[in-house]
């Protein structure tokens, strides 16, 4: 993921974002709001530029 390579200190990367979604989608998770607030900044989620290397790799 070029976005991760360029901003590895701030951007979480596709693997972490997918794992985050896994927990957010789980209705049994009791820390949904805490997880959402951890992702709510300009670098964690919105830095994906859809270069789609992650899709090709998967």
PDB file of N, CA and C in Angstrom:
ATOM      1  N   UNK A   1       0.837  -1.180   0.000  1.00  0.00           N
ATOM      2  CA  UNK A   1       0.000   0.000   0.000  1.00  0.00           C
ATOM      3  C   UNK A   1       0.886   1.249   0.000  1.00  0.00           C
ATOM      4  N   UNK A   2       0.926   1.974  -1.106  1.00  0.00           N
ATOM      5  CA  UNK A   2       1.745   3.191  -1.161  1.00  0.00           C
ATOM      6  C   UNK A   2       1.356   4.230  -0.111  1.00  0.00           C
ATOM      7  N   UNK A   3       0.090   4.354   0.195  1.00  0.00           N
ATOM      8  CA  UNK A   3      -0.307   5.319   1.230  1.00  0.00           C
ATOM      9  C   UNK A   3       0.314   4.951   2.572  1.00  0.00           C
ATOM     10  N   UNK A   4       0.395   3.661   2.860  1.00  0.00           N
ATOM     11  CA  UNK A   4       1.027   3.209   4.099  1.00  0.00           C
ATOM     12  C   UNK A   4       2.535   3.423   4.044  1.00  0.00           C
ATOM     13  N   UNK A   5       3.146   3.124   2.889  1.00  0.00           N
ATOM     14  CA  UNK A   5       4.596   3.324   2.764  1.00  0.00           C
ATOM     15  C   UNK A   5       4.959   4.788   2.960  1.00  0.00           C
ATOM     16  N   UNK A   6       4.150   5.693   2.427  1.00  0.00           N
ATOM     17  CA  UNK A   6       4.442   7.124   2.501  1.00  0.00           C
ATOM     18  C   UNK A   6       4.147   7.704   3.876  1.00  0.00           C
ATOM     19  N   UNK A   7       3.195   7.137   4.594  1.00  0.00           N
ATOM     20  CA  UNK A   7       2.763   7.695   5.884  1.00  0.00           C
ATOM     21  C   UNK A   7       2.644   6.616   6.955  1.00  0.00           C
ATOM     22  N   UNK A   8       3.617   5.751   7.065  1.00  0.00           N
ATOM     23  CA  UNK A   8       3.485   4.600   7.974  1.00  0.00           C
ATOM     24  C   UNK A   8       3.389   4.998   9.446  1.00  0.00           C
ATOM     25  N   UNK A   9       3.813   6.192   9.792  1.00  0.00           N
ATOM     26  CA  UNK A   9       3.699   6.643  11.179  1.00  0.00           C
ATOM     27  C   UNK A   9       2.269   7.037  11.533  1.00  0.00           C
ATOM     28  N   UNK A  10       1.464   7.408  10.515  1.00  0.00           N
ATOM     29  CA  UNK A  10       0.122   7.922  10.788  1.00  0.00           C
ATOM     30  C   UNK A  10      -0.996   7.103  10.160  1.00  0.00           C
ATOM     31  N   UNK A  11      -0.784   6.619   8.940  1.00  0.00           N
ATOM     32  CA  UNK A  11      -1.832   5.864   8.254  1.00  0.00           C
ATOM     33  C   UNK A  11      -1.808   4.419   8.725  1.00  0.00           C
ATOM     34  N   UNK A  12      -2.951   3.872   9.025  1.00  0.00           N
ATOM     35  CA  UNK A  12      -3.028   2.529   9.603  1.00  0.00           C
ATOM     36  C   UNK A  12      -2.773   1.416   8.600  1.00  0.00           C
ATOM     37  N   UNK A  13      -3.165   1.606   7.382  1.00  0.00           N
ATOM     38  CA  UNK A  13      -2.977   0.586   6.357  1.00  0.00           C
ATOM     39  C   UNK A  13      -4.193  -0.305   6.212  1.00  0.00           C
ATOM     40  N   UNK A  14      -4.288  -0.996   5.083  1.00  0.00           N
ATOM     41  CA  UNK A  14      -5.485  -1.778   4.780  1.00  0.00           C
ATOM     42  C   UNK A  14      -5.741  -2.943   5.728  1.00  0.00           C
ATOM     43  N   UNK A  15      -4.711  -3.607   6.202  1.00  0.00           N
ATOM     44  CA  UNK A  15      -4.925  -4.753   7.093  1.00  0.00           C
ATOM     45  C   UNK A  15      -5.551  -4.308   8.415  1.00  0.00           C
ATOM     46  N   UNK A  16      -5.050  -3.229   8.967  1.00  0.00           N
ATOM     47  CA  UNK A  16      -5.588  -2.718  10.234  1.00  0.00           C
ATOM     48  C   UNK A  16      -7.001  -2.185  10.041  1.00  0.00           C
ATOM     49  N   UNK A  17      -7.232  -1.508   8.927  1.00  0.00           N
ATOM     50  CA  UNK A  17      -8.574  -0.986   8.668  1.00  0.00           C
ATOM     51  C   UNK A  17      -9.586  -2.116   8.490  1.00  0.00           C
ATOM     52  N   UNK A  18      -9.180  -3.187   7.833  1.00  0.00           N
ATOM     53  CA  UNK A  18     -10.085  -4.329   7.663  1.00  0.00           C
ATOM     54  C   UNK A  18     -10.379  -4.985   9.010  1.00  0.00           C
ATOM     55  N   UNK A  19      -9.366  -5.110   9.848  1.00  0.00           N
ATOM     56  CA  UNK A  19      -9.578  -5.681  11.180  1.00  0.00           C
ATOM     57  C   UNK A  19     -10.477  -4.770  12.015  1.00  0.00           C
ATOM     58  N   UNK A  20     -10.312  -3.465  11.857  1.00  0.00           N
ATOM     59  CA  UNK A  20     -11.179  -2.519  12.566  1.00  0.00           C
ATOM     60  C   UNK A  20     -12.629  -2.695  12.138  1.00  0.00           C
ATOM     61  N   UNK A  21     -12.832  -2.842  10.840  1.00  0.00           N
ATOM     62  CA  UNK A  21     -14.192  -3.048  10.339  1.00  0.00           C
ATOM     63  C   UNK A  21     -14.788  -4.330  10.910  1.00  0.00           C
ATOM     64  N   UNK A  22     -13.970  -5.353  11.025  1.00  0.00           N
ATOM     65  CA  UNK A  22     -14.451  -6.629  11.562  1.00  0.00           C
ATOM     66  C   UNK A  22     -15.053  -6.423  12.946  1.00  0.00           C
ATOM     67  N   UNK A  23     -14.395  -5.617  13.781  1.00  0.00           N
ATOM     68  CA  UNK A  23     -14.912  -5.364  15.125  1.00  0.00           C
ATOM     69  C   UNK A  23     -16.098  -4.416  15.104  1.00  0.00           C
ATOM     70  N   UNK A  24     -16.075  -3.424  14.241  1.00  0.00           N
ATOM     71  CA  UNK A  24     -17.198  -2.484  14.165  1.00  0.00           C
ATOM     72  C   UNK A  24     -18.475  -3.170  13.685  1.00  0.00           C
ATOM     73  N   UNK A  25     -18.329  -4.156  12.817  1.00  0.00           N
ATOM     74  CA  UNK A  25     -19.488  -4.861  12.279  1.00  0.00           C
ATOM     75  C   UNK A  25     -20.035  -5.918  13.240  1.00  0.00           C
ATOM     76  N   UNK A  26     -19.263  -6.277  14.246  1.00  0.00           N
ATOM     77  CA  UNK A  26     -19.669  -7.309  15.202  1.00  0.00           C
ATOM     78  C   UNK A  26     -20.628  -6.709  16.234  1.00  0.00           C
ATOM     79  N   UNK A  27     -21.858  -7.147  16.226  1.00  0.00           N
ATOM     80  CA  UNK A  27     -22.870  -6.602  17.139  1.00  0.00           C
ATOM     81  C   UNK A  27     -22.575  -6.940  18.604  1.00  0.00           C
ATOM     82  N   UNK A  28     -21.718  -7.905  18.851  1.00  0.00           N
ATOM     83  CA  UNK A  28     -21.377  -8.286  20.228  1.00  0.00           C
ATOM     84  C   UNK A  28     -20.294  -7.399  20.836  1.00  0.00           C
ATOM     85  N   UNK A  29     -19.618  -6.636  20.005  1.00  0.00           N
ATOM     86  CA  UNK A  29     -18.529  -5.791  20.492  1.00  0.00           C
ATOM     87  C   UNK A  29     -19.076  -4.676  21.373  1.00  0.00           C
ATOM     88  N   UNK A  30     -18.479  -4.477  22.512  1.00  0.00           N
ATOM     89  CA  UNK A  30     -18.951  -3.472  23.461  1.00  0.00           C
ATOM     90  C   UNK A  30     -18.149  -2.175  23.404  1.00  0.00           C
ATOM     91  N   UNK A  31     -17.179  -2.091  22.509  1.00  0.00           N
ATOM     92  CA  UNK A  31     -16.333  -0.899  22.429  1.00  0.00           C
ATOM     93  C   UNK A  31     -16.448  -0.219  21.067  1.00  0.00           C
ATOM     94  N   UNK A  32     -17.609  -0.301  20.455  1.00  0.00           N
ATOM     95  CA  UNK A  32     -17.806   0.252  19.120  1.00  0.00           C
ATOM     96  C   UNK A  32     -17.518   1.744  19.073  1.00  0.00           C
ATOM     97  N   UNK A  33     -18.062   2.504  19.983  1.00  0.00           N
ATOM     98  CA  UNK A  33     -17.861   3.958  19.963  1.00  0.00           C
ATOM     99  C   UNK A  33     -16.401   4.326  20.205  1.00  0.00           C
ATOM    100  N   UNK A  34     -15.757   3.595  21.082  1.00  0.00           N
ATOM    101  CA  UNK A  34     -14.336   3.831  21.348  1.00  0.00           C
ATOM    102  C   UNK A  34     -13.509   3.563  20.090  1.00  0.00           C
ATOM    103  N   UNK A  35     -13.846   2.496  19.377  1.00  0.00           N
ATOM    104  CA  UNK A  35     -13.131   2.164  18.139  1.00  0.00           C
ATOM    105  C   UNK A  35     -13.398   3.206  17.057  1.00  0.00           C
ATOM    106  N   UNK A  36     -14.641   3.658  16.953  1.00  0.00           N
ATOM    107  CA  UNK A  36     -14.971   4.686  15.959  1.00  0.00           C
ATOM    108  C   UNK A  36     -14.193   5.966  16.218  1.00  0.00           C
ATOM    109  N   UNK A  37     -14.127   6.385  17.462  1.00  0.00           N
ATOM    110  CA  UNK A  37     -13.421   7.631  17.767  1.00  0.00           C
ATOM    111  C   UNK A  37     -11.922   7.499  17.505  1.00  0.00           C
ATOM    112  N   UNK A  38     -11.363   6.307  17.677  1.00  0.00           N
ATOM    113  CA  UNK A  38      -9.943   6.103  17.380  1.00  0.00           C
ATOM    114  C   UNK A  38      -9.661   6.213  15.886  1.00  0.00           C
ATOM    115  N   UNK A  39     -10.658   5.919  15.062  1.00  0.00           N
ATOM    116  CA  UNK A  39     -10.494   5.997  13.606  1.00  0.00           C
ATOM    117  C   UNK A  39     -10.874   7.357  13.035  1.00  0.00           C
ATOM    118  N   UNK A  40     -11.449   8.210  13.849  1.00  0.00           N
ATOM    119  CA  UNK A  40     -11.988   9.476  13.352  1.00  0.00           C
ATOM    120  C   UNK A  40     -10.936  10.585  13.326  1.00  0.00           C
ATOM    121  N   UNK A  41     -10.059  10.523  12.339  1.00  0.00           N
ATOM    122  CA  UNK A  41      -9.113  11.609  12.088  1.00  0.00           C
ATOM    123  C   UNK A  41      -8.729  11.579  10.615  1.00  0.00           C
ATOM    124  N   UNK A  42      -8.047  12.580  10.160  1.00  0.00           N
ATOM    125  CA  UNK A  42      -7.777  12.708   8.724  1.00  0.00           C
ATOM    126  C   UNK A  42      -6.761  11.705   8.198  1.00  0.00           C
ATOM    127  N   UNK A  43      -5.999  11.068   9.065  1.00  0.00           N
ATOM    128  CA  UNK A  43      -4.967  10.146   8.594  1.00  0.00           C
ATOM    129  C   UNK A  43      -5.352   8.677   8.692  1.00  0.00           C
ATOM    130  N   UNK A  44      -6.171   8.296   9.638  1.00  0.00           N
ATOM    131  CA  UNK A  44      -6.379   6.867   9.862  1.00  0.00           C
ATOM    132  C   UNK A  44      -7.219   6.202   8.785  1.00  0.00           C
ATOM    133  N   UNK A  45      -8.308   6.797   8.417  1.00  0.00           N
ATOM    134  CA  UNK A  45      -9.223   6.162   7.479  1.00  0.00           C
ATOM    135  C   UNK A  45      -9.231   6.827   6.113  1.00  0.00           C
ATOM    136  N   UNK A  46      -9.181   8.124   6.090  1.00  0.00           N
ATOM    137  CA  UNK A  46      -9.409   8.866   4.850  1.00  0.00           C
ATOM    138  C   UNK A  46      -8.151   9.085   4.028  1.00  0.00           C
ATOM    139  N   UNK A  47      -7.053   8.453   4.367  1.00  0.00           N
ATOM    140  CA  UNK A  47      -5.819   8.594   3.617  1.00  0.00           C
ATOM    141  C   UNK A  47      -5.728   7.562   2.488  1.00  0.00           C
ATOM    142  N   UNK A  48      -6.679   6.676   2.409  1.00  0.00           N
ATOM    143  CA  UNK A  48      -6.698   5.702   1.314  1.00  0.00           C
ATOM    144  C   UNK A  48      -7.004   6.434   0.007  1.00  0.00           C
ATOM    145  N   UNK A  49      -6.147   6.231  -0.981  1.00  0.00           N
ATOM    146  CA  UNK A  49      -6.341   6.877  -2.278  1.00  0.00           C
ATOM    147  C   UNK A  49      -6.814   5.895  -3.339  1.00  0.00           C
ATOM    148  N   UNK A  50      -7.302   4.765  -2.920  1.00  0.00           N
ATOM    149  CA  UNK A  50      -7.801   3.702  -3.807  1.00  0.00           C
ATOM    150  C   UNK A  50      -6.838   3.401  -4.947  1.00  0.00           C
ATOM    151  N   UNK A  51      -5.582   3.215  -4.595  1.00  0.00           N
ATOM    152  CA  UNK A  51      -4.584   2.762  -5.555  1.00  0.00           C
ATOM    153  C   UNK A  51      -4.834   1.286  -5.853  1.00  0.00           C
ATOM    154  N   UNK A  52      -5.459   0.603  -4.908  1.00  0.00           N
ATOM    155  CA  UNK A  52      -5.959  -0.773  -5.026  1.00  0.00           C
ATOM    156  C   UNK A  52      -4.874  -1.845  -5.063  1.00  0.00           C
ATOM    157  N   UNK A  53      -3.671  -1.551  -4.587  1.00  0.00           N
ATOM    158  CA  UNK A  53      -2.672  -2.606  -4.451  1.00  0.00           C
ATOM    159  C   UNK A  53      -3.137  -3.657  -3.453  1.00  0.00           C
ATOM    160  N   UNK A  54      -3.858  -3.242  -2.418  1.00  0.00           N
ATOM    161  CA  UNK A  54      -4.347  -4.195  -1.419  1.00  0.00           C
ATOM    162  C   UNK A  54      -5.335  -5.173  -2.047  1.00  0.00           C
ATOM    163  N   UNK A  55      -6.166  -4.689  -2.946  1.00  0.00           N
ATOM    164  CA  UNK A  55      -7.135  -5.554  -3.616  1.00  0.00           C
ATOM    165  C   UNK A  55      -6.430  -6.562  -4.511  1.00  0.00           C
ATOM    166  N   UNK A  56      -5.436  -6.099  -5.228  1.00  0.00           N
ATOM    167  CA  UNK A  56      -4.679  -7.012  -6.099  1.00  0.00           C
ATOM    168  C   UNK A  56      -3.935  -8.051  -5.273  1.00  0.00           C
ATOM    169  N   UNK A  57      -3.414  -7.653  -4.124  1.00  0.00           N
ATOM    170  CA  UNK A  57      -2.673  -8.573  -3.276  1.00  0.00           C
ATOM    171  C   UNK A  57      -3.585  -9.628  -2.672  1.00  0.00           C
ATOM    172  N   UNK A  58      -4.746  -9.209  -2.194  1.00  0.00           N
ATOM    173  CA  UNK A  58      -5.692 -10.161  -1.606  1.00  0.00           C
ATOM    174  C   UNK A  58      -6.216 -11.096  -2.663  1.00  0.00           C
TER     175      UNK A  58
END
